[in-house]
Amino acid sequence: MIDIKGITKSFGSLQVLKGIDLHIDKGEVVSIVGPSGAGKTTLLQIMGTLDKPDSGAISVDGVDVMRLSSNKLSDFRNQHIGFVFQFHQLLPEFTALENIMIPAYIGGKGTAEAKKRALELLDFMGLADRANHKPNELSGGEKQRVAVARALVNNPAVVFADEPSGSLDSKNKAELHQLFFDLRDKFGQTFVIVTHDEHLASITDRTIHIVDGQIKL
């Protein structure tokens, strides 16, 4: 599913990633942990094609993403990759349903198809009755579940999540963590999650430890 080899990344004189080799299988729920500044988010952004490494190779869902042009890379990201961030990043002027539909529109889907998929996901999330509510009318847990639904609307092969439960209380954290496994079981996605949450890391299929820009075995 994901193969990265020899990934390095520096910002000025600071080398953040120092030769990362990693393979993640289809359908795995993997956590990436480590101290602040270890390179976790940088690695996640490179795997998610939001940033480019200085050197190394990356294959996602069988595609050598380093060889794609900028436009083709954007299309690939829209169709094959989903993202969940710590602070949901929902657009405040749109309803929950509309927020979920946006990536589908970007991917060229028609309104009927996008709406059907978005409503299916809202129902799975237990949010069918919140479809027409705007973000300021939703709780923190509801907003994050809408963000997860948005990440899934194009049925991506992999979902990257950066501290997805970092802003939630313990009850909503537990519900969100369980949701990742429920979604994997229903839709077959791979999940790669950067987290400081020890409980989430403990229940994932595999935990990858990064220290000083390297994977600690």
N, C-alpha and C. Protein backbone atom coordinates (compact mmCIF):
# COMPACT_ATOMS: atom_id res chain seq x y z
N MET A 1 0.82 -1.21 0.00
CA MET A 1 0.00 0.00 0.00
C MET A 1 0.86 1.27 0.00
N ILE A 2 1.74 1.39 1.01
CA ILE A 2 2.66 2.53 1.07
C ILE A 2 4.08 1.99 1.23
N ASP A 3 4.96 2.41 0.33
CA ASP A 3 6.37 2.06 0.42
C ASP A 3 7.20 3.33 0.34
N ILE A 4 8.00 3.57 1.35
CA ILE A 4 8.93 4.70 1.28
C ILE A 4 10.34 4.20 1.58
N LYS A 5 11.29 4.74 0.83
CA LYS A 5 12.67 4.28 0.96
C LYS A 5 13.62 5.47 0.95
N GLY A 6 14.46 5.53 1.96
CA GLY A 6 15.52 6.53 2.00
C GLY A 6 15.05 7.97 2.05
N ILE A 7 13.91 8.23 2.71
CA ILE A 7 13.35 9.58 2.72
C ILE A 7 14.16 10.49 3.65
N THR A 8 14.61 11.60 3.08
CA THR A 8 15.27 12.63 3.88
C THR A 8 14.56 13.97 3.65
N LYS A 9 14.63 14.82 4.65
CA LYS A 9 14.03 16.15 4.54
C LYS A 9 14.71 17.10 5.50
N SER A 10 15.14 18.23 4.97
CA SER A 10 15.76 19.27 5.78
C SER A 10 15.02 20.58 5.59
N PHE A 11 15.02 21.38 6.62
CA PHE A 11 14.54 22.76 6.56
C PHE A 11 15.72 23.65 6.93
N GLY A 12 16.33 24.26 5.91
CA GLY A 12 17.56 25.01 6.15
C GLY A 12 18.65 24.05 6.59
N SER A 13 19.29 24.35 7.69
CA SER A 13 20.38 23.50 8.18
C SER A 13 19.89 22.37 9.08
N LEU A 14 18.57 22.36 9.35
CA LEU A 14 18.01 21.35 10.25
C LEU A 14 17.51 20.15 9.46
N GLN A 15 18.14 19.00 9.66
CA GLN A 15 17.67 17.78 9.00
C GLN A 15 16.61 17.13 9.88
N VAL A 16 15.39 17.08 9.36
CA VAL A 16 14.25 16.58 10.13
C VAL A 16 14.07 15.08 9.95
N LEU A 17 14.22 14.58 8.72
CA LEU A 17 14.12 13.15 8.45
C LEU A 17 15.47 12.68 7.90
N LYS A 18 15.95 11.56 8.43
CA LYS A 18 17.32 11.14 8.16
C LYS A 18 17.41 9.75 7.55
N GLY A 19 16.61 9.53 6.50
CA GLY A 19 16.66 8.24 5.83
C GLY A 19 15.63 7.27 6.37
N ILE A 20 14.36 7.53 6.06
CA ILE A 20 13.26 6.72 6.56
C ILE A 20 12.89 5.64 5.54
N ASP A 21 12.87 4.39 5.99
CA ASP A 21 12.36 3.26 5.20
C ASP A 21 11.13 2.72 5.93
N LEU A 22 10.03 2.54 5.19
CA LEU A 22 8.80 2.11 5.84
C LEU A 22 7.86 1.47 4.84
N HIS A 23 7.22 0.38 5.25
CA HIS A 23 6.17 -0.26 4.44
C HIS A 23 4.91 -0.38 5.29
N ILE A 24 3.79 0.01 4.72
CA ILE A 24 2.49 -0.12 5.39
C ILE A 24 1.56 -0.91 4.49
N ASP A 25 0.96 -1.94 5.04
CA ASP A 25 0.09 -2.83 4.26
C ASP A 25 -1.31 -2.25 4.10
N LYS A 26 -1.99 -2.70 3.07
CA LYS A 26 -3.39 -2.33 2.86
C LYS A 26 -4.23 -2.79 4.04
N GLY A 27 -5.09 -1.90 4.54
CA GLY A 27 -6.00 -2.23 5.63
C GLY A 27 -5.39 -2.13 7.02
N GLU A 28 -4.13 -1.75 7.12
CA GLU A 28 -3.52 -1.55 8.44
C GLU A 28 -3.99 -0.24 9.06
N VAL A 29 -4.11 -0.25 10.37
CA VAL A 29 -4.27 0.98 11.15
C VAL A 29 -2.96 1.16 11.91
N VAL A 30 -2.18 2.14 11.49
CA VAL A 30 -0.82 2.33 12.00
C VAL A 30 -0.73 3.67 12.73
N SER A 31 -0.09 3.67 13.88
CA SER A 31 0.17 4.93 14.58
C SER A 31 1.65 5.28 14.48
N ILE A 32 1.91 6.58 14.40
CA ILE A 32 3.27 7.10 14.40
C ILE A 32 3.43 7.97 15.65
N VAL A 33 4.37 7.60 16.49
CA VAL A 33 4.55 8.31 17.76
C VAL A 33 6.00 8.75 17.90
N GLY A 34 6.20 9.69 18.84
CA GLY A 34 7.54 10.20 19.09
C GLY A 34 7.45 11.56 19.72
N PRO A 35 8.55 12.05 20.26
CA PRO A 35 8.53 13.38 20.91
C PRO A 35 8.30 14.49 19.90
N SER A 36 7.89 15.65 20.41
CA SER A 36 7.71 16.81 19.54
C SER A 36 9.02 17.14 18.84
N GLY A 37 8.92 17.44 17.54
CA GLY A 37 10.10 17.77 16.76
C GLY A 37 10.82 16.57 16.19
N ALA A 38 10.26 15.36 16.40
CA ALA A 38 10.94 14.15 15.93
C ALA A 38 10.81 13.95 14.42
N GLY A 39 9.82 14.62 13.80
CA GLY A 39 9.63 14.48 12.36
C GLY A 39 8.35 13.76 11.97
N LYS A 40 7.46 13.52 12.93
CA LYS A 40 6.24 12.74 12.67
C LYS A 40 5.35 13.40 11.63
N THR A 41 5.03 14.68 11.85
CA THR A 41 4.12 15.37 10.94
C THR A 41 4.77 15.57 9.58
N THR A 42 6.06 15.85 9.55
CA THR A 42 6.76 15.98 8.28
C THR A 42 6.68 14.69 7.47
N LEU A 43 6.88 13.57 8.14
CA LEU A 43 6.77 12.27 7.46
C LEU A 43 5.35 12.05 6.95
N LEU A 44 4.36 12.38 7.76
CA LEU A 44 2.97 12.20 7.35
C LEU A 44 2.65 13.05 6.12
N GLN A 45 3.12 14.29 6.12
CA GLN A 45 2.85 15.18 4.98
C GLN A 45 3.54 14.70 3.71
N ILE A 46 4.72 14.12 3.85
CA ILE A 46 5.42 13.58 2.68
C ILE A 46 4.71 12.33 2.16
N MET A 47 4.31 11.45 3.06
CA MET A 47 3.56 10.26 2.62
C MET A 47 2.24 10.66 1.97
N GLY A 48 1.64 11.74 2.46
CA GLY A 48 0.37 12.21 1.92
C GLY A 48 0.50 13.11 0.72
N THR A 49 1.71 13.30 0.22
CA THR A 49 2.04 14.09 -0.98
C THR A 49 1.78 15.58 -0.80
N LEU A 50 1.66 16.04 0.44
CA LEU A 50 1.50 17.47 0.70
C LEU A 50 2.85 18.19 0.70
N ASP A 51 3.92 17.41 0.85
CA ASP A 51 5.27 17.96 0.83
C ASP A 51 6.16 16.96 0.10
N LYS A 52 7.31 17.44 -0.38
CA LYS A 52 8.23 16.58 -1.11
C LYS A 52 9.50 16.38 -0.29
N PRO A 53 10.04 15.16 -0.34
CA PRO A 53 11.31 14.93 0.36
C PRO A 53 12.48 15.49 -0.43
N ASP A 54 13.60 15.62 0.23
CA ASP A 54 14.83 16.02 -0.47
C ASP A 54 15.38 14.85 -1.28
N SER A 55 15.19 13.64 -0.78
CA SER A 55 15.64 12.45 -1.50
C SER A 55 14.82 11.26 -1.04
N GLY A 56 14.87 10.19 -1.83
CA GLY A 56 14.14 8.99 -1.49
C GLY A 56 13.02 8.70 -2.48
N ALA A 57 12.30 7.62 -2.25
CA ALA A 57 11.24 7.16 -3.14
C ALA A 57 9.97 6.91 -2.35
N ILE A 58 8.82 7.21 -2.98
CA ILE A 58 7.52 7.02 -2.33
C ILE A 58 6.55 6.39 -3.32
N SER A 59 5.94 5.29 -2.89
CA SER A 59 4.88 4.66 -3.67
C SER A 59 3.64 4.56 -2.79
N VAL A 60 2.51 5.05 -3.32
CA VAL A 60 1.24 5.00 -2.59
C VAL A 60 0.22 4.32 -3.48
N ASP A 61 -0.36 3.25 -2.97
CA ASP A 61 -1.37 2.49 -3.72
C ASP A 61 -0.84 2.09 -5.11
N GLY A 62 0.43 1.70 -5.13
CA GLY A 62 1.04 1.21 -6.38
C GLY A 62 1.51 2.27 -7.34
N VAL A 63 1.44 3.55 -6.95
CA VAL A 63 1.83 4.65 -7.84
C VAL A 63 3.07 5.34 -7.29
N ASP A 64 4.06 5.53 -8.16
CA ASP A 64 5.27 6.28 -7.81
C ASP A 64 4.91 7.76 -7.85
N VAL A 65 4.56 8.31 -6.70
CA VAL A 65 4.03 9.68 -6.67
C VAL A 65 5.09 10.72 -6.99
N MET A 66 6.36 10.36 -6.86
CA MET A 66 7.44 11.31 -7.15
C MET A 66 7.51 11.63 -8.65
N ARG A 67 6.94 10.77 -9.47
CA ARG A 67 7.01 10.96 -10.91
C ARG A 67 5.81 11.72 -11.49
N LEU A 68 4.83 12.02 -10.65
CA LEU A 68 3.62 12.68 -11.13
C LEU A 68 3.83 14.18 -11.28
N SER A 69 3.25 14.76 -12.32
CA SER A 69 3.26 16.21 -12.46
C SER A 69 2.40 16.83 -11.37
N SER A 70 2.49 18.13 -11.21
CA SER A 70 1.75 18.81 -10.16
C SER A 70 0.24 18.59 -10.29
N ASN A 71 -0.28 18.70 -11.51
CA ASN A 71 -1.71 18.51 -11.72
C ASN A 71 -2.14 17.07 -11.46
N LYS A 72 -1.34 16.13 -11.97
CA LYS A 72 -1.69 14.72 -11.77
C LYS A 72 -1.56 14.32 -10.30
N LEU A 73 -0.61 14.95 -9.60
CA LEU A 73 -0.46 14.67 -8.18
C LEU A 73 -1.68 15.18 -7.40
N SER A 74 -2.19 16.34 -7.77
CA SER A 74 -3.40 16.87 -7.12
C SER A 74 -4.58 15.95 -7.34
N ASP A 75 -4.71 15.45 -8.59
CA ASP A 75 -5.80 14.52 -8.90
C ASP A 75 -5.65 13.22 -8.11
N PHE A 76 -4.42 12.73 -8.04
CA PHE A 76 -4.17 11.50 -7.30
C PHE A 76 -4.53 11.67 -5.83
N ARG A 77 -4.12 12.79 -5.25
CA ARG A 77 -4.39 13.07 -3.84
C ARG A 77 -5.90 13.12 -3.58
N ASN A 78 -6.63 13.75 -4.48
CA ASN A 78 -8.08 13.87 -4.33
C ASN A 78 -8.76 12.51 -4.38
N GLN A 79 -8.27 11.63 -5.25
CA GLN A 79 -8.95 10.36 -5.48
C GLN A 79 -8.48 9.23 -4.57
N HIS A 80 -7.25 9.29 -4.09
CA HIS A 80 -6.67 8.15 -3.39
C HIS A 80 -6.32 8.41 -1.93
N ILE A 81 -6.33 9.69 -1.50
CA ILE A 81 -5.85 10.02 -0.16
C ILE A 81 -6.88 10.89 0.55
N GLY A 82 -7.11 10.58 1.83
CA GLY A 82 -7.94 11.43 2.68
C GLY A 82 -7.13 11.97 3.83
N PHE A 83 -7.53 13.13 4.35
CA PHE A 83 -6.80 13.76 5.45
C PHE A 83 -7.76 14.13 6.58
N VAL A 84 -7.30 13.91 7.81
CA VAL A 84 -8.01 14.38 9.00
C VAL A 84 -7.02 15.13 9.86
N PHE A 85 -7.37 16.37 10.24
CA PHE A 85 -6.47 17.21 11.01
C PHE A 85 -6.99 17.38 12.44
N GLN A 86 -6.14 17.91 13.31
CA GLN A 86 -6.52 18.04 14.71
C GLN A 86 -7.74 18.94 14.89
N PHE A 87 -7.79 20.04 14.13
CA PHE A 87 -8.87 21.01 14.29
C PHE A 87 -9.79 20.98 13.07
N HIS A 88 -10.23 19.85 12.68
CA HIS A 88 -11.25 19.52 11.67
C HIS A 88 -11.21 20.31 10.37
N GLN A 89 -10.90 21.61 10.41
CA GLN A 89 -10.76 22.43 9.19
C GLN A 89 -12.03 22.41 8.34
N LEU A 90 -13.19 22.41 8.97
CA LEU A 90 -14.44 22.53 8.23
C LEU A 90 -14.66 23.98 7.82
N LEU A 91 -15.32 24.17 6.68
CA LEU A 91 -15.63 25.52 6.21
C LEU A 91 -16.90 26.00 6.91
N PRO A 92 -16.83 27.11 7.65
CA PRO A 92 -17.94 27.50 8.53
C PRO A 92 -19.21 27.89 7.80
N GLU A 93 -19.10 28.32 6.55
CA GLU A 93 -20.28 28.80 5.83
C GLU A 93 -21.10 27.67 5.21
N PHE A 94 -20.57 26.44 5.26
CA PHE A 94 -21.26 25.30 4.66
C PHE A 94 -21.79 24.34 5.73
N THR A 95 -22.85 23.62 5.40
CA THR A 95 -23.39 22.62 6.31
C THR A 95 -22.46 21.41 6.38
N ALA A 96 -22.76 20.52 7.32
CA ALA A 96 -21.99 19.28 7.43
C ALA A 96 -22.04 18.52 6.11
N LEU A 97 -23.22 18.39 5.54
CA LEU A 97 -23.38 17.68 4.27
C LEU A 97 -22.55 18.33 3.17
N GLU A 98 -22.60 19.64 3.07
CA GLU A 98 -21.88 20.35 2.02
C GLU A 98 -20.37 20.23 2.20
N ASN A 99 -19.91 20.29 3.46
CA ASN A 99 -18.47 20.14 3.72
C ASN A 99 -17.98 18.78 3.24
N ILE A 100 -18.77 17.75 3.49
CA ILE A 100 -18.37 16.40 3.08
C ILE A 100 -18.35 16.27 1.56
N MET A 101 -19.27 16.95 0.89
CA MET A 101 -19.40 16.82 -0.56
C MET A 101 -18.30 17.54 -1.34
N ILE A 102 -17.63 18.51 -0.73
CA ILE A 102 -16.67 19.35 -1.46
C ILE A 102 -15.59 18.55 -2.18
N PRO A 103 -14.90 17.59 -1.51
CA PRO A 103 -13.87 16.83 -2.26
C PRO A 103 -14.45 16.03 -3.43
N ALA A 104 -15.71 15.59 -3.29
CA ALA A 104 -16.35 14.86 -4.39
C ALA A 104 -16.56 15.78 -5.59
N TYR A 105 -16.99 17.01 -5.31
CA TYR A 105 -17.14 17.98 -6.40
C TYR A 105 -15.80 18.24 -7.08
N ILE A 106 -14.75 18.42 -6.26
CA ILE A 106 -13.42 18.67 -6.81
C ILE A 106 -12.99 17.50 -7.71
N GLY A 107 -13.40 16.29 -7.32
CA GLY A 107 -13.06 15.11 -8.09
C GLY A 107 -13.94 14.88 -9.31
N GLY A 108 -14.87 15.81 -9.56
CA GLY A 108 -15.68 15.74 -10.77
C GLY A 108 -16.98 14.98 -10.65
N LYS A 109 -17.36 14.61 -9.44
CA LYS A 109 -18.62 13.89 -9.26
C LYS A 109 -19.81 14.86 -9.32
N GLY A 110 -20.93 14.36 -9.80
CA GLY A 110 -22.14 15.16 -9.86
C GLY A 110 -22.79 15.29 -8.50
N THR A 111 -23.74 16.21 -8.39
CA THR A 111 -24.38 16.48 -7.11
C THR A 111 -25.07 15.25 -6.54
N ALA A 112 -25.80 14.52 -7.36
CA ALA A 112 -26.56 13.37 -6.87
C ALA A 112 -25.63 12.31 -6.29
N GLU A 113 -24.55 12.00 -7.01
CA GLU A 113 -23.61 10.98 -6.55
C GLU A 113 -22.89 11.43 -5.28
N ALA A 114 -22.46 12.70 -5.26
CA ALA A 114 -21.75 13.23 -4.09
C ALA A 114 -22.66 13.24 -2.86
N LYS A 115 -23.90 13.65 -3.07
CA LYS A 115 -24.84 13.73 -1.94
C LYS A 115 -25.16 12.34 -1.40
N LYS A 116 -25.35 11.38 -2.28
CA LYS A 116 -25.65 10.02 -1.85
C LYS A 116 -24.53 9.46 -0.98
N ARG A 117 -23.29 9.64 -1.43
CA ARG A 117 -22.14 9.14 -0.67
C ARG A 117 -22.01 9.88 0.67
N ALA A 118 -22.19 11.20 0.66
CA ALA A 118 -22.07 11.99 1.88
C ALA A 118 -23.13 11.58 2.90
N LEU A 119 -24.34 11.35 2.44
CA LEU A 119 -25.42 10.94 3.35
C LEU A 119 -25.16 9.53 3.91
N GLU A 120 -24.60 8.66 3.08
CA GLU A 120 -24.24 7.32 3.56
C GLU A 120 -23.23 7.42 4.70
N LEU A 121 -22.24 8.28 4.52
CA LEU A 121 -21.20 8.44 5.55
C LEU A 121 -21.76 9.10 6.81
N LEU A 122 -22.60 10.10 6.64
CA LEU A 122 -23.21 10.75 7.81
C LEU A 122 -24.03 9.74 8.61
N ASP A 123 -24.75 8.88 7.91
CA ASP A 123 -25.54 7.85 8.59
C ASP A 123 -24.62 6.88 9.34
N PHE A 124 -23.52 6.49 8.71
CA PHE A 124 -22.58 5.58 9.36
C PHE A 124 -21.98 6.23 10.60
N MET A 125 -21.77 7.54 10.54
CA MET A 125 -21.19 8.27 11.68
C MET A 125 -22.22 8.56 12.77
N GLY A 126 -23.47 8.22 12.52
CA GLY A 126 -24.51 8.55 13.48
C GLY A 126 -24.90 10.01 13.47
N LEU A 127 -24.70 10.66 12.32
CA LEU A 127 -24.94 12.11 12.22
C LEU A 127 -25.97 12.46 11.16
N ALA A 128 -26.82 11.52 10.80
CA ALA A 128 -27.80 11.78 9.73
C ALA A 128 -28.67 12.99 10.06
N ASP A 129 -28.98 13.17 11.35
CA ASP A 129 -29.85 14.27 11.74
C ASP A 129 -29.11 15.60 11.85
N ARG A 130 -27.81 15.60 11.58
CA ARG A 130 -27.01 16.83 11.68
C ARG A 130 -26.56 17.30 10.29
N ALA A 131 -27.07 16.68 9.25
CA ALA A 131 -26.61 16.96 7.89
C ALA A 131 -26.69 18.43 7.52
N ASN A 132 -27.74 19.11 7.94
CA ASN A 132 -27.95 20.50 7.53
C ASN A 132 -27.50 21.51 8.57
N HIS A 133 -26.73 21.06 9.56
CA HIS A 133 -26.18 21.95 10.57
C HIS A 133 -24.81 22.45 10.14
N LYS A 134 -24.54 23.71 10.42
CA LYS A 134 -23.21 24.27 10.14
C LYS A 134 -22.27 23.96 11.30
N PRO A 135 -20.95 24.06 11.07
CA PRO A 135 -20.00 23.68 12.11
C PRO A 135 -20.22 24.32 13.47
N ASN A 136 -20.66 25.58 13.49
CA ASN A 136 -20.85 26.24 14.79
C ASN A 136 -22.05 25.69 15.55
N GLU A 137 -22.81 24.81 14.90
CA GLU A 137 -23.95 24.17 15.55
C GLU A 137 -23.65 22.73 15.96
N LEU A 138 -22.40 22.32 15.77
CA LEU A 138 -21.98 20.95 16.08
C LEU A 138 -21.03 20.93 17.27
N SER A 139 -21.04 19.83 18.01
CA SER A 139 -20.07 19.65 19.09
C SER A 139 -18.70 19.33 18.51
N GLY A 140 -17.68 19.36 19.36
CA GLY A 140 -16.33 19.04 18.90
C GLY A 140 -16.23 17.65 18.31
N GLY A 141 -16.86 16.68 18.98
CA GLY A 141 -16.83 15.32 18.47
C GLY A 141 -17.57 15.17 17.15
N GLU A 142 -18.70 15.88 17.02
CA GLU A 142 -19.46 15.84 15.78
C GLU A 142 -18.66 16.46 14.63
N LYS A 143 -18.01 17.57 14.89
CA LYS A 143 -17.21 18.22 13.85
C LYS A 143 -16.10 17.30 13.36
N GLN A 144 -15.47 16.59 14.29
CA GLN A 144 -14.37 15.73 13.87
C GLN A 144 -14.89 14.53 13.09
N ARG A 145 -16.06 14.03 13.43
CA ARG A 145 -16.64 12.93 12.65
C ARG A 145 -17.04 13.40 11.24
N VAL A 146 -17.51 14.63 11.14
CA VAL A 146 -17.79 15.20 9.81
C VAL A 146 -16.49 15.29 9.01
N ALA A 147 -15.42 15.70 9.68
CA ALA A 147 -14.12 15.80 9.00
C ALA A 147 -13.65 14.43 8.51
N VAL A 148 -13.89 13.39 9.30
CA VAL A 148 -13.53 12.04 8.88
C VAL A 148 -14.37 11.63 7.67
N ALA A 149 -15.66 11.96 7.71
CA ALA A 149 -16.53 11.64 6.57
C ALA A 149 -16.06 12.35 5.31
N ARG A 150 -15.66 13.60 5.45
CA ARG A 150 -15.13 14.35 4.31
C ARG A 150 -13.89 13.66 3.74
N ALA A 151 -13.03 13.14 4.61
CA ALA A 151 -11.82 12.45 4.16
C ALA A 151 -12.15 11.18 3.40
N LEU A 152 -13.33 10.60 3.67
CA LEU A 152 -13.69 9.32 3.09
C LEU A 152 -14.59 9.42 1.87
N VAL A 153 -15.05 10.62 1.53
CA VAL A 153 -16.12 10.74 0.54
C VAL A 153 -15.73 10.21 -0.84
N ASN A 154 -14.46 10.30 -1.20
CA ASN A 154 -14.02 9.77 -2.50
C ASN A 154 -13.50 8.35 -2.40
N ASN A 155 -13.78 7.69 -1.27
CA ASN A 155 -13.35 6.31 -1.04
C ASN A 155 -11.85 6.15 -1.27
N PRO A 156 -11.02 6.93 -0.56
CA PRO A 156 -9.58 6.86 -0.77
C PRO A 156 -9.00 5.54 -0.29
N ALA A 157 -7.84 5.22 -0.80
CA ALA A 157 -7.15 4.00 -0.39
C ALA A 157 -6.56 4.15 1.01
N VAL A 158 -6.14 5.38 1.35
CA VAL A 158 -5.48 5.61 2.63
C VAL A 158 -5.94 6.93 3.22
N VAL A 159 -6.07 6.95 4.55
CA VAL A 159 -6.40 8.17 5.27
C VAL A 159 -5.25 8.50 6.22
N PHE A 160 -4.74 9.72 6.11
CA PHE A 160 -3.69 10.21 7.00
C PHE A 160 -4.34 11.14 8.03
N ALA A 161 -4.05 10.91 9.29
CA ALA A 161 -4.64 11.71 10.37
C ALA A 161 -3.53 12.26 11.26
N ASP A 162 -3.56 13.56 11.48
CA ASP A 162 -2.53 14.23 12.30
C ASP A 162 -3.17 14.69 13.61
N GLU A 163 -2.86 13.98 14.69
CA GLU A 163 -3.43 14.28 16.02
C GLU A 163 -4.95 14.43 15.95
N PRO A 164 -5.66 13.47 15.38
CA PRO A 164 -7.09 13.65 15.13
C PRO A 164 -7.93 13.80 16.38
N SER A 165 -7.47 13.26 17.51
CA SER A 165 -8.26 13.36 18.74
C SER A 165 -7.65 14.33 19.74
N GLY A 166 -6.67 15.11 19.29
CA GLY A 166 -5.94 15.98 20.20
C GLY A 166 -6.78 17.06 20.85
N SER A 167 -7.88 17.47 20.21
CA SER A 167 -8.70 18.55 20.75
C SER A 167 -9.99 18.04 21.40
N LEU A 168 -10.11 16.70 21.57
CA LEU A 168 -11.37 16.12 22.06
C LEU A 168 -11.27 15.69 23.51
N ASP A 169 -12.44 15.65 24.18
CA ASP A 169 -12.47 15.12 25.54
C ASP A 169 -12.39 13.59 25.49
N SER A 170 -12.28 12.97 26.67
CA SER A 170 -11.98 11.54 26.71
C SER A 170 -13.08 10.70 26.06
N LYS A 171 -14.35 11.08 26.23
CA LYS A 171 -15.45 10.31 25.64
C LYS A 171 -15.40 10.37 24.12
N ASN A 172 -15.23 11.59 23.58
CA ASN A 172 -15.17 11.74 22.13
C ASN A 172 -13.90 11.13 21.55
N LYS A 173 -12.82 11.17 22.30
CA LYS A 173 -11.59 10.49 21.86
C LYS A 173 -11.85 9.00 21.65
N ALA A 174 -12.44 8.38 22.65
CA ALA A 174 -12.67 6.95 22.58
C ALA A 174 -13.58 6.60 21.40
N GLU A 175 -14.61 7.42 21.17
CA GLU A 175 -15.52 7.16 20.06
C GLU A 175 -14.82 7.33 18.71
N LEU A 176 -13.96 8.35 18.60
CA LEU A 176 -13.24 8.57 17.35
C LEU A 176 -12.26 7.45 17.08
N HIS A 177 -11.56 7.02 18.12
CA HIS A 177 -10.59 5.94 17.95
C HIS A 177 -11.28 4.67 17.47
N GLN A 178 -12.42 4.34 18.06
CA GLN A 178 -13.15 3.15 17.63
C GLN A 178 -13.65 3.30 16.20
N LEU A 179 -14.00 4.55 15.84
CA LEU A 179 -14.51 4.81 14.49
C LEU A 179 -13.49 4.43 13.43
N PHE A 180 -12.21 4.69 13.66
CA PHE A 180 -11.18 4.34 12.68
C PHE A 180 -11.22 2.84 12.37
N PHE A 181 -11.37 2.03 13.40
CA PHE A 181 -11.40 0.58 13.19
C PHE A 181 -12.70 0.15 12.53
N ASP A 182 -13.80 0.76 12.91
CA ASP A 182 -15.08 0.44 12.28
C ASP A 182 -15.04 0.76 10.79
N LEU A 183 -14.44 1.91 10.46
CA LEU A 183 -14.34 2.32 9.06
C LEU A 183 -13.42 1.39 8.27
N ARG A 184 -12.32 1.01 8.88
CA ARG A 184 -11.41 0.06 8.22
C ARG A 184 -12.14 -1.24 7.90
N ASP A 185 -12.93 -1.71 8.89
CA ASP A 185 -13.63 -2.98 8.70
C ASP A 185 -14.72 -2.87 7.64
N LYS A 186 -15.39 -1.71 7.55
CA LYS A 186 -16.49 -1.56 6.60
C LYS A 186 -16.01 -1.18 5.20
N PHE A 187 -15.07 -0.24 5.11
CA PHE A 187 -14.68 0.31 3.81
C PHE A 187 -13.29 -0.14 3.35
N GLY A 188 -12.49 -0.73 4.25
CA GLY A 188 -11.20 -1.30 3.84
C GLY A 188 -10.06 -0.32 3.73
N GLN A 189 -10.23 0.91 4.27
CA GLN A 189 -9.15 1.88 4.16
C GLN A 189 -7.95 1.54 5.05
N THR A 190 -6.81 2.05 4.65
CA THR A 190 -5.61 2.05 5.47
C THR A 190 -5.59 3.37 6.24
N PHE A 191 -5.24 3.33 7.53
CA PHE A 191 -5.16 4.55 8.33
C PHE A 191 -3.75 4.70 8.88
N VAL A 192 -3.18 5.89 8.70
CA VAL A 192 -1.87 6.22 9.26
C VAL A 192 -2.07 7.45 10.14
N ILE A 193 -1.81 7.29 11.43
CA ILE A 193 -2.22 8.29 12.41
C ILE A 193 -1.02 8.76 13.24
N VAL A 194 -0.71 10.04 13.15
CA VAL A 194 0.26 10.65 14.06
C VAL A 194 -0.47 11.00 15.35
N THR A 195 0.06 10.55 16.47
CA THR A 195 -0.64 10.80 17.73
C THR A 195 0.32 10.86 18.91
N HIS A 196 -0.11 11.63 19.93
CA HIS A 196 0.56 11.60 21.23
C HIS A 196 -0.27 10.78 22.21
N ASP A 197 -1.42 10.29 21.76
CA ASP A 197 -2.33 9.58 22.64
C ASP A 197 -1.86 8.14 22.82
N GLU A 198 -1.44 7.81 24.02
CA GLU A 198 -0.87 6.49 24.28
C GLU A 198 -1.90 5.38 24.10
N HIS A 199 -3.16 5.66 24.46
CA HIS A 199 -4.18 4.62 24.32
C HIS A 199 -4.43 4.31 22.84
N LEU A 200 -4.55 5.35 22.02
CA LEU A 200 -4.75 5.13 20.59
C LEU A 200 -3.59 4.34 20.01
N ALA A 201 -2.37 4.73 20.35
CA ALA A 201 -1.20 4.02 19.84
C ALA A 201 -1.22 2.55 20.25
N SER A 202 -1.70 2.28 21.46
CA SER A 202 -1.67 0.91 21.99
C SER A 202 -2.66 -0.02 21.29
N ILE A 203 -3.72 0.55 20.70
CA ILE A 203 -4.74 -0.31 20.08
C ILE A 203 -4.59 -0.41 18.56
N THR A 204 -3.68 0.35 17.97
CA THR A 204 -3.49 0.24 16.53
C THR A 204 -2.77 -1.07 16.20
N ASP A 205 -2.85 -1.46 14.92
CA ASP A 205 -2.22 -2.72 14.51
C ASP A 205 -0.71 -2.69 14.69
N ARG A 206 -0.14 -1.50 14.53
CA ARG A 206 1.32 -1.36 14.62
C ARG A 206 1.66 0.06 15.01
N THR A 207 2.68 0.22 15.83
CA THR A 207 3.14 1.54 16.26
C THR A 207 4.55 1.77 15.76
N ILE A 208 4.74 2.89 15.06
CA ILE A 208 6.05 3.25 14.53
C ILE A 208 6.60 4.39 15.38
N HIS A 209 7.75 4.18 15.96
CA HIS A 209 8.38 5.18 16.83
C HIS A 209 9.43 5.96 16.04
N ILE A 210 9.31 7.27 16.05
CA ILE A 210 10.31 8.13 15.39
C ILE A 210 11.01 8.96 16.44
N VAL A 211 12.33 8.91 16.42
CA VAL A 211 13.15 9.69 17.34
C VAL A 211 14.26 10.34 16.53
N ASP A 212 14.38 11.66 16.63
CA ASP A 212 15.43 12.41 15.93
C ASP A 212 15.48 12.09 14.44
N GLY A 213 14.31 12.02 13.82
CA GLY A 213 14.23 11.85 12.37
C GLY A 213 14.50 10.47 11.86
N GLN A 214 14.52 9.47 12.74
CA GLN A 214 14.75 8.10 12.33
C GLN A 214 13.76 7.18 13.01
N ILE A 215 13.44 6.05 12.36
CA ILE A 215 12.57 5.06 12.97
C ILE A 215 13.38 4.27 13.99
N LYS A 216 12.84 4.22 15.19
CA LYS A 216 13.50 3.49 16.28
C LYS A 216 12.92 2.08 16.33
N LEU A 217 13.75 1.10 16.12
CA LEU A 217 13.30 -0.29 16.09
C LEU A 217 13.33 -0.91 17.49
